[in-house]
Amino acid sequence: MLEAQKLAACRGFSRLFTEVSLRVHAGEALVVTGANGTGKTTLLRMLAGLSAPESGEIRWQGKRVAPLDAKLRAAMAFAGHLPALKDDLTAEENLASLVALEGGAPSREALRDALDSVALARQRALPARVLSQGQRRRIGLARLSLIARPLWLLDEPLAALDAAGAELLARLLTGHLAQGGLAVAATHAPLGLGGSRVAALVLG
């Protein structure tokens, strides 16, 4: 379970939000929405342990966690707004590098299967600089399928994805939740998730 109680955040002299509380159990997703500048990315970074709240606390598995907490980092996959790719590496090399940063060492077959699952089999040997923004985002989706992390934190995961990419993301998220994972996603657009195990949080 991921839980936050009475979080507050400031940017300079402006307060982004205050008294934000949430609870996400295994098999559940929380969709965070709000206008630009209301603190969606800031909230995700707090939940990921990348920054500290002005006040309030965050708990993982019932225990309070501080920024850079090792147990939280080991359980979490964070996907930022921009894909962290190296333009001179191929799609396959970038994927291998991203997974290695998480401590994984997938086989070449596993890398190719992951790229095939996001419709990038034909682009696996192309350098990232020639890929479209949507294809670059799909490499990030392939990364999620290769790292076994129960908590997914996704910042604008639909950015640059076409309709087929959005459907792919929905399938990945649905499968993740069905296996007992949990997710928090900040987005301006619907994720295509149905069911009673999806909650909403509106900032601002």
Foldseek 3Di string as FASTA:
>chain_A
DKWWAFFWAADDPRTLDTGDIDDAFFLFEEEEEEDPSSQPVVVLCCSQLNDPTPDTFMDDPRHTDHRPRPVSNLQEDEDAPAQPADQAAFLLVRLQVVLVVSVDHDDSVLSLVLCVLLVCNVRRRPGNNPDFRQSSLSSVVSSVVVRNHQEYEEEASCPPHDPSNLVSQQVSVNVSSVVGGYYYYYHHDDSPDDDDRYHYHYGD
